[in-house]
Amino acid sequence: MFNIRFLPARYGDAIRIAYGKPDAPRLVLIDGGTGGTREEILADLKAYEAKGGVLELIIVTHIDRDHIEGILKLLEDKDFTLPVGDFWFNGWPQLPQDTDDEEFGPVQGERLSTQIRGRGLNWNKHFGGQAAVIPDTGALKEITLEGGLKITLLNPTLGYLEGLKKVWVKELRLANLDPGFPEGGHFVAGLTKENRQRNLVVGEWGP
């Protein structure tokens, strides 16, 4: 089986992929829309959980409110008990660090990082806990999840995250933006492949 559902995400994105065997489906959740999308996500996941479904992967592509907030609300919900195989999210710990850096990060990104740690979830396990990035040169990284779904990471580069970090600090300080609603970076885009079917999945395509 291979099924993609675009959940009602208001003006953001919330995408659920189901693959594998119908009697033991495996799931990938990409972004969670705004906070109100949590109920739709939870209901969808629980329906698959009742069928023996396994949540192999959650991906948060970037920290704009309409992508991250639904995931944050989901993790804060005690009714969400489905085990998660891995969580792809480039938070502050994954950004390139300098010795003179201040501890700084958007509020929602920090809250999400706290939930990931608090639930003891694998965090970028497929990348050794480091940033989910592509090499500057050479072949793109293809990751095979349990059940056979293949994901090829298409962006970002480490250089992009370095630039993004500077933008976060500069723009939030100089423009006096609410850190709960930042102009977030474009973190993760990927290409999924199940047998002969390929699907391009992006949060928002950045430079």
Protein backbone atom coordinates (compact mmCIF):
# COMPACT_ATOMS: atom_id res chain seq x y z
CA MET A 1 0.00 0.00 0.00
CA PHE A 2 1.02 3.61 -0.50
CA ASN A 3 -1.24 6.48 0.51
CA ILE A 4 -0.67 10.22 0.94
CA ARG A 5 -3.16 12.36 2.83
CA PHE A 6 -3.01 16.15 3.04
CA LEU A 7 -4.57 16.94 6.38
CA PRO A 8 -6.58 20.17 6.89
CA ALA A 9 -3.73 22.50 7.87
CA ARG A 10 -5.41 25.88 7.52
CA TYR A 11 -2.81 27.86 5.57
CA GLY A 12 0.14 25.55 6.28
CA ASP A 13 1.15 21.96 5.55
CA ALA A 14 0.41 18.64 7.26
CA ILE A 15 1.12 15.53 5.20
CA ARG A 16 0.73 11.91 6.27
CA ILE A 17 2.22 9.07 4.25
CA ALA A 18 1.12 5.48 4.88
CA TYR A 19 3.03 2.61 3.28
CA GLY A 20 3.85 -1.05 3.71
CA LYS A 21 1.35 -3.79 4.54
CA PRO A 22 -2.35 -2.87 5.06
CA ASP A 23 -2.49 -4.98 8.22
CA ALA A 24 0.68 -3.36 9.62
CA PRO A 25 0.99 0.10 8.04
CA ARG A 26 3.98 2.35 8.55
CA LEU A 27 3.55 6.11 8.72
CA VAL A 28 5.51 9.27 8.01
CA LEU A 29 4.20 12.64 9.23
CA ILE A 30 5.55 15.77 7.53
CA ASP A 31 4.73 19.05 9.30
CA GLY A 32 1.62 19.71 11.34
CA GLY A 33 0.00 22.93 10.16
CA THR A 34 -1.19 25.36 12.83
CA GLY A 35 -2.24 24.38 16.34
CA GLY A 36 -5.80 23.60 15.30
CA THR A 37 -4.57 20.79 13.04
CA ARG A 38 -3.56 18.70 16.05
CA GLU A 39 -7.00 17.10 16.39
CA GLU A 40 -7.03 16.02 12.74
CA ILE A 41 -3.53 14.58 13.03
CA LEU A 42 -4.26 12.74 16.26
CA ALA A 43 -7.47 11.20 14.90
CA ASP A 44 -5.71 10.06 11.73
CA LEU A 45 -2.78 8.53 13.61
CA LYS A 46 -5.03 6.77 16.13
CA ALA A 47 -7.01 5.19 13.29
CA TYR A 48 -3.80 3.68 11.97
CA GLU A 49 -2.60 2.78 15.46
CA ALA A 50 -5.74 0.67 15.85
CA LYS A 51 -4.64 -1.26 12.75
CA GLY A 52 -1.19 -1.90 14.21
CA GLY A 53 0.36 1.13 12.54
CA VAL A 54 3.85 2.35 13.39
CA LEU A 55 4.96 5.98 13.13
CA GLU A 56 8.39 5.59 11.55
CA LEU A 57 9.22 9.24 11.13
CA ILE A 58 8.11 12.81 11.90
CA ILE A 59 9.64 15.60 9.83
CA VAL A 60 9.40 19.30 10.66
CA THR A 61 10.64 21.10 7.57
CA HIS A 62 10.99 24.54 9.16
CA ILE A 63 9.82 26.66 12.06
CA ASP A 64 7.09 28.81 10.52
CA ARG A 65 3.99 28.67 12.70
CA ASP A 66 1.87 26.98 10.02
CA HIS A 67 4.28 24.04 9.86
CA ILE A 68 5.56 23.55 13.41
CA GLU A 69 2.65 24.44 15.69
CA GLY A 70 0.49 21.38 15.00
CA ILE A 71 3.44 19.07 15.72
CA LEU A 72 4.23 20.96 18.90
CA LYS A 73 0.63 20.67 20.09
CA LEU A 74 0.65 16.96 19.21
CA LEU A 75 3.72 16.27 21.32
CA GLU A 76 2.26 18.26 24.20
CA ASP A 77 -0.92 16.15 24.07
CA LYS A 78 -0.93 13.26 26.57
CA ASP A 79 -3.27 11.30 24.29
CA PHE A 80 -0.47 11.01 21.73
CA THR A 81 1.20 7.73 22.69
CA LEU A 82 2.26 6.28 19.34
CA PRO A 83 5.99 5.45 19.38
CA VAL A 84 8.11 7.47 16.94
CA GLY A 85 11.03 5.86 15.11
CA ASP A 86 12.90 9.09 14.37
CA PHE A 87 12.32 12.84 14.36
CA TRP A 88 13.92 15.00 11.70
CA PHE A 89 14.19 18.61 12.87
CA ASN A 90 17.11 21.00 12.60
CA GLY A 91 16.79 22.84 15.89
CA TRP A 92 19.26 25.13 17.58
CA PRO A 93 21.52 22.21 18.66
CA GLN A 94 21.93 21.18 15.00
CA LEU A 95 22.89 24.65 13.74
CA PRO A 96 26.61 25.32 13.31
CA GLN A 97 27.98 26.50 16.64
CA ASP A 98 30.69 29.06 17.37
CA THR A 99 32.40 29.32 20.71
CA ASP A 100 31.15 32.88 21.24
CA ASP A 101 27.52 32.15 20.29
CA GLU A 102 24.76 33.10 22.69
CA GLU A 103 22.09 30.57 23.49
CA PHE A 104 19.34 31.88 21.21
CA GLY A 105 16.44 30.30 19.41
CA PRO A 106 12.83 31.02 18.48
CA VAL A 107 10.38 30.14 21.21
CA GLN A 108 8.43 27.48 19.30
CA GLY A 109 11.63 25.83 18.11
CA GLU A 110 12.88 25.69 21.67
CA ARG A 111 9.56 24.29 22.89
CA LEU A 112 9.65 21.60 20.22
CA SER A 113 13.22 20.70 21.15
CA THR A 114 12.11 20.38 24.79
CA GLN A 115 9.27 18.03 23.82
CA ILE A 116 11.58 15.86 21.70
CA ARG A 117 14.01 15.53 24.60
CA GLY A 118 11.26 15.11 27.20
CA ARG A 119 9.65 12.24 25.30
CA GLY A 120 13.05 10.63 24.77
CA LEU A 121 12.53 10.55 20.99
CA ASN A 122 15.27 9.75 18.55
CA TRP A 123 16.37 13.09 17.08
CA ASN A 124 17.89 13.04 13.59
CA LYS A 125 18.94 9.46 14.28
CA HIS A 126 19.53 8.83 10.59
CA PHE A 127 22.07 11.66 10.67
CA GLY A 128 23.87 10.60 13.81
CA GLY A 129 22.01 13.23 15.83
CA GLN A 130 23.57 15.99 13.76
CA ALA A 131 21.94 18.33 11.25
CA ALA A 132 19.81 16.83 8.47
CA VAL A 133 21.77 18.26 5.55
CA ILE A 134 23.00 17.31 2.09
CA PRO A 135 26.67 17.38 1.03
CA ASP A 136 27.98 20.37 -0.90
CA THR A 137 29.14 17.96 -3.61
CA GLY A 138 28.58 14.33 -4.49
CA ALA A 139 25.63 12.00 -4.23
CA LEU A 140 22.52 12.88 -2.26
CA LYS A 141 21.83 10.79 0.84
CA GLU A 142 19.12 8.15 0.42
CA ILE A 143 17.61 6.77 3.61
CA THR A 144 15.54 3.60 3.75
CA LEU A 145 12.97 3.40 6.53
CA GLU A 146 11.68 0.18 8.05
CA GLY A 147 9.20 -1.27 5.59
CA GLY A 148 11.16 -0.18 2.54
CA LEU A 149 10.20 3.48 1.99
CA LYS A 150 13.16 5.36 0.56
CA ILE A 151 13.69 9.08 1.20
CA THR A 152 16.28 11.12 -0.65
CA LEU A 153 17.13 14.36 1.14
CA LEU A 154 17.17 17.31 -1.28
CA ASN A 155 18.06 20.20 1.01
CA PRO A 156 19.41 22.04 3.02
CA THR A 157 23.20 22.37 2.92
CA LEU A 158 25.24 23.07 6.02
CA GLY A 159 26.17 26.42 4.49
CA TYR A 160 22.50 27.33 4.27
CA LEU A 161 22.01 26.57 7.96
CA GLU A 162 25.01 28.76 8.79
CA GLY A 163 23.40 31.63 6.92
CA LEU A 164 20.02 30.87 8.47
CA LYS A 165 21.44 31.09 11.96
CA LYS A 166 22.76 34.59 11.33
CA VAL A 167 19.41 35.64 9.86
CA TRP A 168 17.55 34.36 12.92
CA VAL A 169 19.66 36.36 15.34
CA LYS A 170 19.84 39.52 13.24
CA GLU A 171 16.23 39.76 12.10
CA LEU A 172 14.58 38.83 15.39
CA ARG A 173 16.66 41.39 17.23
CA LEU A 174 16.61 44.24 14.73
CA ALA A 175 13.02 43.81 13.48
CA ASN A 176 11.64 43.15 16.98
CA LEU A 177 9.69 40.12 15.75
CA ASP A 178 7.66 37.96 18.10
CA PRO A 179 9.90 34.90 18.53
CA GLY A 180 6.80 32.68 18.59
CA PHE A 181 6.06 33.61 14.95
CA PRO A 182 9.49 33.84 13.26
CA GLU A 183 10.34 34.01 9.61
CA GLY A 184 11.71 30.51 9.78
CA GLY A 185 14.19 28.82 7.52
CA HIS A 186 13.45 26.19 4.91
CA PHE A 187 14.90 23.14 6.56
CA VAL A 188 14.07 19.88 4.89
CA ALA A 189 12.85 18.73 1.51
CA GLY A 190 12.86 15.16 0.31
CA LEU A 191 11.94 12.71 -2.40
CA THR A 192 10.07 9.57 -1.31
CA LYS A 193 10.15 6.35 -3.31
CA GLU A 194 7.92 3.31 -2.79
CA ASN A 195 8.49 0.66 -5.45
CA ARG A 196 8.17 2.66 -8.71
CA GLN A 197 6.22 5.60 -7.29
CA ARG A 198 8.12 8.79 -6.50
CA ASN A 199 6.84 11.87 -4.69
CA LEU A 200 8.48 15.22 -4.05
CA VAL A 201 7.74 16.46 -0.53
CA VAL A 202 8.73 19.96 0.55
CA GLY A 203 7.75 22.33 3.33
CA GLU A 204 8.47 25.43 1.31
CA TRP A 205 11.21 25.46 -1.29
CA GLY A 206 13.97 27.88 -0.32
CA PRO A 207 17.08 29.09 -2.11
